[in-house]
C-alpha cells in the first residue's frame, strides 16, 4: 500500500509518500516547506500569528494534493511541538485538518520520541545496545533510550533550534547571549543526566534536519566523499564543538559561505550546534551516528506493526537486495557471482588477509555489480557506480558506500583509478581493502562470463607463488586470452601466478 505521512513540525512541514514492503520503505515523494512555526510562536507570545496560520493552511493543502497525485491510498497526519504548545494551537489545528481532509494527531513529546526511535532503529546498523537517540527539531529535543524496539526511557525538552533562535539575532552571538543559551540548556538537561547514565547507553544516534546540516559541514571539513545520504555517518562530538565555536562568531552571510552549509538552515544552525554540543558534553557522548530516518518513517512502520529491528547484517543485505531487485530482478548472474565471490574469499584468506566485514562487502558488491546493465551495456560499470552512490543504502557507513561504489565502478577495469572521488578520500587502510577486494570480484565475475551459471563452484590450491582455481561444473565459455586478462589484476595484487583448471568430474 502507498502511504502518505504528513509531519507538521516546528521548523518545516513535510510529506512523505512511500511504499512499505516488509521492513523496507521505498520513498515515492519527499516534499517540505520551511515555515519556522516554532520561531513564530516564540516571537508572538505563544501564539501562531494570522500570517503564519494562513501560510500553514496553504502548505498543508499543497502537500496533501501532492500526496494524492502521487497515488497515496492512506494518509497519516501528525503535529509536534509548535502546534502542541501554541496557545491557539487547537484552533489552528482545526483549520489545518480541514485543509488536509483528514484528522491531525498531536503527538506528545514522549510519543514523538518513541516514533523517532523506531525510525532510527530501522535505518541504522546498530553495533551495541542500549541506544541513546536524540531528535532535534525546531520546537523541541526528544531523547530516548531503547533496546531493539523497546523504549526503556524517554524525555522531551524545550530545546528546539528554531524556537531558541527567536531569542537571539541572526548575526554573531554576543557572549551574554551564549551564556544565556547554555544556562537554559543546562536547566533542561540537568534533570535527565542521572537517568541517562543509569541506563548505560552504548550507541548514540542523532536525527533531524539541522543535525544533518551540521553533519554536512563536518564532512566538508574532513574532505570526505559522501554518498547521497548522511545515514550512518559518525561524527566525533569534538568536531561538532569546534564547528559551534566557529559558527557562533559568524554573521548570517558568513555562515551561508561555510562549506557544506545548507542555505535554509543557516539562520539557526549555530543554535543547533550550541544545543547539541552542550547536551553531548553534559551526557559524556563522544561519538554520534547520524540517521536519515526518524519520525516519519517511524510513524509508517508503527502504523503497520513493523517495529522489531533486524540485525545490522540483515539490514544491509535487505537494502542491497532492494536495489538489486529494483534494477536486475530476473537476472541470476549477480547472486551467482556473489556465491562464487564468497568461496574465493574464504579459500584465499591466507593471501588477502581481509576481515569478515570485507567478506560481507564483497558479497554486496557482487550482488550490485551488474545493476548498471539496466540502463545500458556500454559503460554499465559507470552507470552502476552512480546508482550505488545515489541509492540511499541503509546500514552502510560512508566508507562502506565508498568501497562499494569503487568496486562496482572498476569491476571491469584493470585496477582502480586513484583519482576516483569515492576512492580518493579513503584512508590508506580502506584503500587497501578496496584494492584487495576488487580482484576477487573480478575473478568471480569472470567465472560466470557467459552469465549461464555453468561454473557451480571453485576449489583453490595455494603454494609456491601460485594459486590454482579449479572450477566445478560446466564449461567456462571464454578464451584463454580473456581469462588471462581477467586474472591479471589478481596476479599483480597478490604477487602470484594464477592457474585455472577444470575440477574432477566437471
Foldseek 3Di string as FASTA:
>chain_A
DWEWEWEAEQQKTWIWTWDDDQLDTGTPDIDIDGLNLLLCCLQPVQARDPVSLVVLLVVLLVRLVVNVVSPHPYYAAEYEDSLVRGPCSVVSQVSNCVSNVHHYHYDYQFVQLLLQVLFQLSFAQDDDDFEWEWEAAQQWIKIFTDDFSDTPDIDIGRQHLSNLLSVDFLFADDPVSLVVLLVRLCVGQVVVQVVLVVRPGDAYAYEDPLVVLLVQLLCVVLVADAFQDQAFAKDFLVSLLVVLVVLNNGHLVVQVPRHSHDNSCSSRSSSVSSNVSSNCVSNVPGMYGYHHTGNRSSVVCVVVVNRGRDHLLVLQVVLLVVLLCVQPVPQPQLQQLLVQLLQVCVQCCVQLVDDPVLNSLLSSLSSQLQSLVSVPPVQSLVSSLSCLRHVSRGSAHLLSSLLSSQLSNDLPHLFGDCVPNSNVSDDPVSNSSSLSSSLSSLLSSQQCVVSPCQFVYWDWDDDDQEIETATEGDDSPDDPVVNCSSNVSVCVSRVGHYHYHYDPPD
